[in-house]
Protein backbone atom coordinates (compact mmCIF):
# COMPACT_ATOMS: atom_id res chain seq x y z
CA MET A 1 0.23 -0.10 0.24
CA SER A 2 1.60 3.14 -0.66
CA PHE A 3 0.84 6.89 -0.01
CA GLU A 4 1.24 9.68 -2.20
CA THR A 5 2.25 13.34 -0.60
CA LYS A 6 0.04 15.85 -1.88
CA PRO A 7 0.49 19.61 -2.01
CA MET A 8 -1.21 21.57 0.59
CA ARG A 9 -3.60 23.96 -0.59
CA ILE A 10 -4.57 27.30 1.18
CA GLY A 11 -7.51 29.21 0.12
CA VAL A 12 -7.46 32.58 -1.01
CA PRO A 13 -9.28 33.79 2.42
CA VAL A 14 -6.44 32.31 4.34
CA VAL A 15 -3.56 33.89 2.72
CA VAL A 16 -5.37 37.37 2.93
CA VAL A 17 -5.86 36.73 6.82
CA MET A 18 -1.90 35.67 6.83
CA TRP A 19 -0.98 38.66 4.93
CA CYS A 20 -2.68 41.27 7.03
CA VAL A 21 -1.25 39.52 10.66
CA PHE A 22 1.99 39.93 9.00
CA THR A 23 1.16 43.82 8.11
CA LEU A 24 0.15 44.65 11.88
CA LEU A 25 3.23 42.47 13.23
CA VAL A 26 6.28 43.38 10.72
CA ILE A 27 5.42 46.88 8.85
CA PRO A 28 5.06 49.61 11.25
CA SER A 29 1.89 51.56 11.56
CA ALA A 30 1.91 55.32 10.43
CA GLN A 31 -0.51 55.67 13.56
CA ALA A 32 1.94 54.39 15.81
CA GLN A 33 4.63 56.78 14.91
CA LEU A 34 5.43 59.07 17.90
CA PRO A 35 5.04 63.21 17.46
CA ASP A 36 8.04 65.04 18.16
CA LEU A 37 6.49 67.06 21.13
CA GLN A 38 3.63 67.00 23.35
CA VAL A 39 2.64 69.95 25.79
CA GLN A 40 -0.23 69.90 27.90
CA VAL A 41 -1.84 72.27 30.64
CA SER A 42 -2.99 70.39 33.40
CA ASP A 43 -6.63 70.22 34.23
CA THR A 44 -7.23 71.01 38.20
CA THR A 45 -10.00 72.11 40.78
CA ALA A 46 -10.12 74.87 43.08
CA PRO A 47 -12.26 76.41 45.42
CA PRO A 48 -13.47 79.96 45.87
CA GLY A 49 -10.71 82.69 46.81
CA ALA A 50 -8.06 80.05 46.68
CA GLU A 51 -4.17 81.37 46.81
CA ASN A 52 -1.39 79.92 44.87
CA THR A 53 -3.32 77.51 42.79
CA VAL A 54 -0.81 75.47 40.75
CA ILE A 55 -1.35 75.13 37.31
CA SER A 56 1.48 72.54 35.60
CA VAL A 57 2.69 72.48 32.37
CA PHE A 58 3.61 68.87 31.11
CA MET A 59 5.97 68.11 28.23
CA ASP A 60 6.60 65.05 26.30
CA ASN A 61 9.69 65.55 24.24
CA PHE A 62 10.12 61.83 22.44
CA GLN A 63 12.67 62.46 19.94
CA ASP A 64 15.20 65.52 20.53
CA THR A 65 16.96 67.52 23.45
CA VAL A 66 15.05 70.63 24.16
CA ALA A 67 17.24 73.36 25.41
CA GLY A 68 14.88 76.39 25.10
CA PHE A 69 10.92 76.93 24.91
CA ASN A 70 9.15 80.06 24.98
CA ILE A 71 4.92 79.55 25.48
CA TRP A 72 2.17 81.79 26.08
CA LEU A 73 -0.67 80.45 28.15
CA GLN A 74 -4.02 82.86 28.27
CA LEU A 75 -7.14 82.87 30.61
CA ASP A 76 -10.71 83.23 28.82
CA ARG A 77 -12.28 84.01 32.51
CA PRO A 78 -10.35 87.28 34.20
CA ASP A 79 -13.56 87.29 36.06
CA ILE A 80 -12.64 84.24 37.97
CA MET A 81 -8.93 83.81 38.09
CA ILE A 82 -5.63 85.63 37.46
CA TYR A 83 -2.12 84.73 37.40
CA GLN A 84 -0.01 85.67 40.14
CA THR A 85 2.15 88.44 39.40
CA ASP A 86 4.67 90.84 40.91
CA SER A 87 5.43 94.55 39.78
CA GLY A 88 8.65 94.95 38.22
CA ILE A 89 10.88 97.19 36.33
CA PHE A 90 12.79 96.51 32.83
CA ILE A 91 15.51 98.49 31.71
CA ASP A 92 15.87 97.67 27.93
CA THR A 93 19.08 99.25 26.32
CA THR A 94 19.58 99.61 22.84
CA TRP A 95 22.55 100.37 20.70
CA TRP A 96 22.75 102.24 17.57
CA GLU A 97 24.99 102.90 14.57
CA CYS A 98 24.35 105.84 12.45
CA THR A 99 24.43 105.24 8.75
CA GLU A 100 23.91 108.77 7.65
CA TRP A 101 25.32 112.04 9.17
CA GLN A 102 25.04 115.43 8.39
CA GLU A 103 27.47 117.42 10.13
CA THR A 104 26.83 116.03 13.71
CA VAL A 105 23.43 115.35 13.32
CA CYS A 106 22.40 111.63 12.66
CA LEU A 107 19.86 111.66 9.88
CA ASP A 108 19.34 107.76 9.64
CA SER A 109 20.51 104.84 12.00
CA VAL A 110 20.23 101.13 12.55
CA MET A 111 20.40 98.89 15.62
CA VAL A 112 23.31 96.70 16.26
CA PRO A 113 24.47 94.43 19.21
CA GLU A 114 26.16 96.26 22.20
CA TRP A 115 29.66 95.18 20.80
CA LYS A 116 30.61 93.49 17.37
CA CYS A 117 33.41 90.93 17.21
CA THR A 118 36.19 91.14 14.88
CA GLU A 119 37.94 88.04 15.02
CA TRP A 120 36.72 84.45 15.79
CA GLU A 121 38.51 81.45 16.55
CA CYS A 122 37.17 77.97 16.04
CA THR A 123 37.16 75.66 19.10
CA GLU A 124 36.10 72.36 17.86
CA TRP A 125 36.47 71.08 14.22
CA GLN A 126 34.65 68.08 12.55
CA ASP A 127 36.78 67.34 9.51
CA THR A 128 36.72 70.74 7.39
CA VAL A 129 33.73 72.07 9.50
CA CYS A 130 33.91 74.45 12.27
CA ILE A 131 31.61 73.28 15.22
CA ASP A 132 31.84 75.74 17.83
CA SER A 133 33.72 79.13 18.11
CA THR A 134 34.45 81.95 20.09
CA CYS A 135 35.33 85.59 20.18
CA ILE A 136 38.68 86.70 21.16
CA ASP A 137 38.62 90.15 20.11
CA SER A 138 35.83 92.30 20.73
CA THR A 139 37.20 95.72 21.02
CA ASP A 140 35.69 97.30 17.79
CA SER A 141 32.46 98.79 19.53
CA ALA A 142 30.28 99.35 16.37
CA TRP A 143 27.69 101.76 18.21
CA ASP A 144 27.36 105.45 17.81
CA PHE A 145 24.70 105.99 20.81
CA ARG A 146 22.78 104.18 22.89
CA HIS A 147 18.76 104.53 23.99
CA ILE A 148 17.56 103.31 27.40
CA ASP A 149 13.91 102.25 27.90
CA THR A 150 12.26 101.73 31.25
CA THR A 151 9.02 99.92 31.68
CA ASP A 152 6.72 98.73 34.23
CA VAL A 153 6.03 95.15 33.71
CA LEU A 154 4.21 92.54 35.83
CA ILE A 155 6.67 89.39 36.35
CA GLY A 156 4.84 86.06 36.82
CA ASN A 157 5.23 83.72 40.23
CA PHE A 158 6.30 80.64 38.75
CA ASP A 159 8.17 77.24 40.49
CA THR A 160 10.75 75.19 38.81
CA THR A 161 11.49 73.37 41.84
CA GLY A 162 11.53 69.36 40.70
CA THR A 163 10.41 70.44 37.07
CA LEU A 164 12.50 69.72 33.84
CA CYS A 165 14.06 73.39 33.65
CA SER A 166 15.15 73.27 37.15
CA GLY A 167 18.65 74.18 37.33
CA TRP A 168 18.24 76.41 33.60
CA GLN A 169 20.60 79.58 33.40
CA TYR A 170 17.45 81.80 32.63
CA VAL A 171 13.68 80.84 33.28
CA ASN A 172 11.32 84.06 33.09
CA ALA A 173 7.44 84.81 32.92
CA ARG A 174 5.53 88.00 32.54
CA SER A 175 2.04 89.21 31.99
CA LEU A 176 2.37 90.70 28.18
CA SER A 177 -1.26 92.51 28.64
CA GLY A 178 -0.05 93.92 31.68
CA TYR A 179 -3.20 92.68 33.56
CA GLY A 180 -2.00 89.21 34.67
CA PHE A 181 -4.84 86.72 32.72
CA ASP A 182 -1.81 86.10 30.37
CA LEU A 183 1.71 84.72 31.20
CA ASN A 184 4.68 84.39 28.19
CA ILE A 185 7.26 81.87 29.84
CA ALA A 186 10.57 81.26 28.65
CA GLY A 187 13.37 79.28 29.13
CA ILE A 188 17.15 79.01 28.17
CA ALA A 189 19.30 76.29 29.54
CA ASN A 190 22.71 77.92 28.60
CA LEU A 191 23.35 81.49 28.33
CA PRO A 192 26.36 82.48 26.41
CA SER A 193 28.44 82.71 29.75
CA GLY A 194 28.38 79.97 32.26
CA ASP A 195 28.47 76.28 32.87
CA THR A 196 26.97 73.97 30.21
CA ILE A 197 23.46 72.39 30.87
CA SER A 198 22.81 69.34 28.66
CA GLY A 199 18.63 70.56 28.57
CA ILE A 200 15.98 68.17 28.31
CA ALA A 201 16.67 64.69 27.21
CA PRO A 202 14.02 62.87 25.61
CA GLN A 203 11.47 61.59 28.10
CA GLN A 204 7.79 61.41 28.63
CA GLY A 205 5.45 62.70 31.59
CA GLY A 206 7.75 65.43 32.96
CA VAL A 207 6.58 68.85 34.18
CA LEU A 208 8.20 71.62 32.19
CA VAL A 209 7.40 74.60 34.65
CA LYS A 210 4.48 75.16 37.66
CA LEU A 211 2.73 78.63 37.55
CA LEU A 212 0.86 80.22 40.53
CA ALA A 213 -2.74 81.55 40.16
CA ASP A 214 -5.47 82.65 42.63
CA VAL A 215 -8.98 82.41 42.34
CA PHE A 216 -11.41 84.98 43.21
CA ASP A 217 -13.87 84.54 45.77
CA ILE A 218 -16.90 84.04 43.27
CA PRO A 219 -20.51 83.66 44.64
CA ASP A 220 -21.90 79.99 44.63
CA THR A 221 -24.59 80.96 42.41
CA MET A 222 -22.46 81.44 39.51
CA GLN A 223 -23.39 78.97 36.93
CA ASP A 224 -20.07 79.03 34.35
CA ARG A 225 -17.06 77.83 36.71
CA THR A 226 -14.57 76.93 34.54
CA VAL A 227 -11.52 78.78 33.34
CA ASN A 228 -9.85 77.43 29.87
CA ILE A 229 -6.03 77.97 29.84
CA MET A 230 -5.00 78.07 26.08
CA ILE A 231 -1.69 77.75 24.46
CA GLN A 232 -1.29 80.45 21.78
CA HIS A 233 0.54 79.22 18.69
CA ASN A 234 -0.62 81.09 16.14
CA THR A 235 1.65 83.99 17.03
CA LEU A 236 5.14 82.22 16.84
CA ASP A 237 7.06 85.04 18.17
CA HIS A 238 5.40 83.43 21.67
CA PHE A 239 5.69 79.92 21.08
CA ASN A 240 9.08 77.94 20.30
CA PHE A 241 10.73 74.75 21.68
CA SER A 242 14.54 74.67 20.27
CA LEU A 243 17.13 72.07 20.12
CA PRO A 244 20.70 72.61 21.49
CA ASP A 245 21.82 74.43 18.34
CA GLY A 246 19.08 76.87 18.27
CA SER A 247 16.91 75.49 15.67
CA SER A 248 13.15 75.13 16.38
CA ILE A 249 10.99 71.96 16.71
CA GLY A 250 8.02 71.34 14.43
CA ILE A 251 8.48 74.78 12.51
CA LEU A 252 7.48 74.41 8.86
CA TYR A 253 7.53 76.98 5.93
CA ASP A 254 5.10 77.91 3.58
CA THR A 255 6.07 79.87 0.33
CA VAL A 256 3.67 82.64 0.10
CA PRO A 257 3.79 85.02 -2.85
CA ASP A 258 4.20 88.80 -2.27
CA THR A 259 2.86 90.91 -4.90
CA ASN A 260 4.49 94.75 -4.45
CA CYS A 261 2.59 97.48 -5.80
CA TRP A 262 4.77 100.52 -6.97
CA MET A 263 3.70 104.18 -7.83
CA CYS A 264 5.83 106.65 -9.04
CA THR A 265 6.29 109.89 -7.35
CA LEU A 266 8.14 111.92 -10.03
CA TRP A 267 8.26 111.58 -13.53
CA ALA A 268 10.73 112.88 -16.33
CA GLY A 269 8.82 112.29 -19.66
CA ASP A 270 8.56 108.58 -19.69
CA GLU A 271 10.97 107.56 -17.06
CA CYS A 272 10.31 107.55 -13.47
CA LEU A 273 12.57 109.33 -11.03
CA ASN A 274 11.42 107.90 -7.74
CA TRP A 275 9.56 104.91 -6.86
CA GLU A 276 7.44 104.62 -3.85
CA ARG A 277 5.74 101.26 -2.66
CA VAL A 278 2.12 101.64 -1.51
CA SER A 279 0.19 98.81 0.90
CA ILE A 280 -3.41 99.62 -0.78
CA PRO A 281 -3.26 99.78 -4.37
CA PRO A 282 -4.87 102.77 -5.64
CA PRO A 283 -8.28 102.57 -7.49
CA GLU A 284 -6.40 103.59 -10.83
CA GLY A 285 -3.99 100.83 -10.49
CA CYS A 286 -0.46 100.42 -9.69
CA ASP A 287 2.42 102.17 -12.00
CA SER A 288 4.30 98.72 -11.75
CA ILE A 289 4.09 95.18 -10.07
CA ASP A 290 6.44 92.78 -8.73
CA VAL A 291 6.17 89.35 -7.52
CA ASP A 292 8.18 88.17 -4.90
CA THR A 293 7.92 85.23 -2.56
CA ASN A 294 8.14 84.90 1.41
CA LEU A 295 8.70 82.04 3.55
CA VAL A 296 5.96 82.29 6.11
CA PRO A 297 6.55 79.96 8.99
CA TYR A 298 3.88 77.77 11.10
CA LEU A 299 3.40 74.61 13.42
CA ASP A 300 3.44 71.56 12.35
CA THR A 301 0.48 70.50 14.64
CA VAL A 302 0.91 66.70 13.30
CA ASN A 303 4.29 66.27 15.16
CA VAL A 304 3.89 69.09 17.70
CA ILE A 305 0.24 68.28 19.77
CA LEU A 306 -1.09 71.38 22.04
CA ILE A 307 -3.33 70.32 25.11
CA ASP A 308 -5.05 72.90 26.65
CA GLY A 309 -5.92 72.95 30.20
CA SER A 310 -8.62 73.97 32.74
CA VAL A 311 -9.22 75.04 36.28
CA GLU A 312 -13.01 74.44 37.73
CA VAL A 313 -13.90 76.37 40.38
CA GLU A 314 -15.73 74.35 43.16
CA SER A 315 -18.97 75.62 44.70
CA TYR A 316 -19.54 74.85 48.64
CA ALA A 317 -21.94 74.65 51.22
CA CYS A 318 -22.10 77.22 54.06
CA GLY A 319 -21.15 75.35 57.03
CA ASN A 320 -18.98 73.00 55.16
CA VAL A 321 -15.78 73.84 56.36
CA ASP A 322 -14.10 71.19 56.35
CA GLY A 323 -14.31 70.73 52.25
CA ASP A 324 -15.97 67.43 52.73
CA PRO A 325 -17.02 66.35 49.09
CA GLY A 326 -20.48 65.48 49.78
CA GLY A 327 -21.18 68.90 51.31
CA ASN A 328 -22.64 67.64 54.87
CA VAL A 329 -22.62 70.08 57.81
CA ASN A 330 -22.08 67.86 60.48
CA VAL A 331 -19.97 67.52 63.97
CA ALA A 332 -16.90 67.29 61.94
CA ASP A 333 -17.34 70.92 60.70
CA LEU A 334 -18.10 72.17 63.92
CA THR A 335 -14.72 70.15 65.56
CA TYR A 336 -12.56 71.68 62.52
CA LEU A 337 -14.00 75.49 63.06
CA VAL A 338 -13.23 75.12 66.90
CA THR A 339 -9.28 73.92 65.71
CA TYR A 340 -9.46 77.08 63.83
CA LEU A 341 -10.62 79.52 65.96
CA PHE A 342 -8.94 78.61 69.32
CA ARG A 343 -6.21 76.25 68.53
CA GLY A 344 -4.40 77.64 64.92
CA GLY A 345 -6.01 75.02 62.73
CA PRO A 346 -6.10 75.24 59.14
CA PRO A 347 -8.59 78.07 57.68
CA PRO A 348 -12.11 76.76 56.22
CA VAL A 349 -12.25 75.65 52.73
CA PRO A 350 -13.25 78.41 51.35
CA MET A 351 -13.21 80.93 54.23
CA ALA A 352 -16.54 81.92 52.94
CA ALA A 353 -17.77 78.80 54.00
CA GLY A 354 -17.56 79.63 57.70
CA ASN A 355 -19.65 82.91 57.64
CA MET A 356 -22.62 81.09 59.46
CA ASN A 357 -24.43 84.17 60.16
CA CYS A 358 -23.99 86.26 57.33
CA GLU A 359 -22.33 89.09 59.48
CA GLY A 360 -18.58 90.38 59.59
CA GLY A 361 -17.68 89.50 56.29
CA ASP A 362 -15.83 86.04 55.16
CA GLN A 363 -13.86 85.64 58.45
CA PRO A 364 -15.44 83.33 60.93
CA ASN A 365 -15.79 83.95 64.66
CA VAL A 366 -17.47 83.25 67.83
CA ALA A 367 -20.59 84.18 66.41
CA ASP A 368 -20.30 81.97 63.75
CA LEU A 369 -19.46 78.93 66.30
CA THR A 370 -22.47 79.57 68.21
CA TRP A 371 -24.95 79.69 65.32
CA LEU A 372 -23.59 76.29 63.97
CA VAL A 373 -23.75 74.85 67.32
CA ALA A 374 -27.53 75.91 67.84
CA TYR A 375 -28.12 74.20 64.33
CA LEU A 376 -26.79 70.97 65.00
CA PHE A 377 -28.10 70.55 68.40
CA ARG A 378 -30.93 72.87 69.12
CA GLY A 379 -33.02 73.31 65.95
CA GLY A 380 -31.72 76.59 64.84
CA PRO A 381 -31.69 77.82 60.96
CA ALA A 382 -29.17 76.26 58.85
CA PRO A 383 -25.80 78.12 58.05
CA CYS A 384 -26.40 81.40 56.08
CA GLU A 385 -30.12 81.09 56.49
CA CYS A 386 -30.45 84.92 57.84
């Protein structure tokens, strides 16, 4: 008795299934590709009147080392919350070089750095390419006069303790509006002088910086109690994350045509002696037109993901001085208030919750304690029923 070996037949559906499995396991999916950067503002809650509310800004840098950043955060409800700021004075000194003189009077000038280096020396080479250089002669001061501006600014309060930018040589926060409902935060790992800091190596889940805000003592009857914290990125003047070499992360460029309209202000027959560019073409049309191209930067929102945050202001029940999430008023609140008034314990959460008799402002006193005792043990009116 003999047996023949027959080829195994695999149906078309089986082949398709096997190919799909192979594709999923072996060929990387485009959806699995990680972005370059993700910045997220925390969502948190706070009671009315809360001071020092912490707003954390998280950063995941999956690919590159971050050595500098600039981020602008705005609040949409300045009637509920505002960033903590201190008043300060900023002195801005600019240096100018005169480009056209009339005897001793400068007719035109341009702004220049404080000094101009006249000689550079390469300190590190890679084959024939200079990797790093230093200025060895800065004796040629290329400015003719200077201008000093003094500006009152609001400096934002922030905390870098335990954050990713802790130990950086420069971190600063300012309210660009001057009213405190926005903060522009900038950080640089390495200034031109000083020790070298490596920056933030690729990591996930780290806190970039922590900001402080104060919540107003809003009434419990207010319905919309959410403050949205928005990352402004449409204006790239105030948004940037950079590599150690200074190049930006996730910035792309579009080539945009720029049409310029020119009008002649002085003719000599058919020849124009003086051209002037105008921003708005006149109804009769331009005397001459030229088309140029500009590179316009924009943020690659596929590889740089931004997630806004929020602060939800909690409502409170009058008499619930211990901040019990259930809002119940009981003996625990009585004990809490006694400890606060006579033993230096923590204050009511929020302070207005301790004002039982609707008198004397938000600061609770012995009269409020008496009101609470009468309510709990003698059938008296409920807190704030006055």
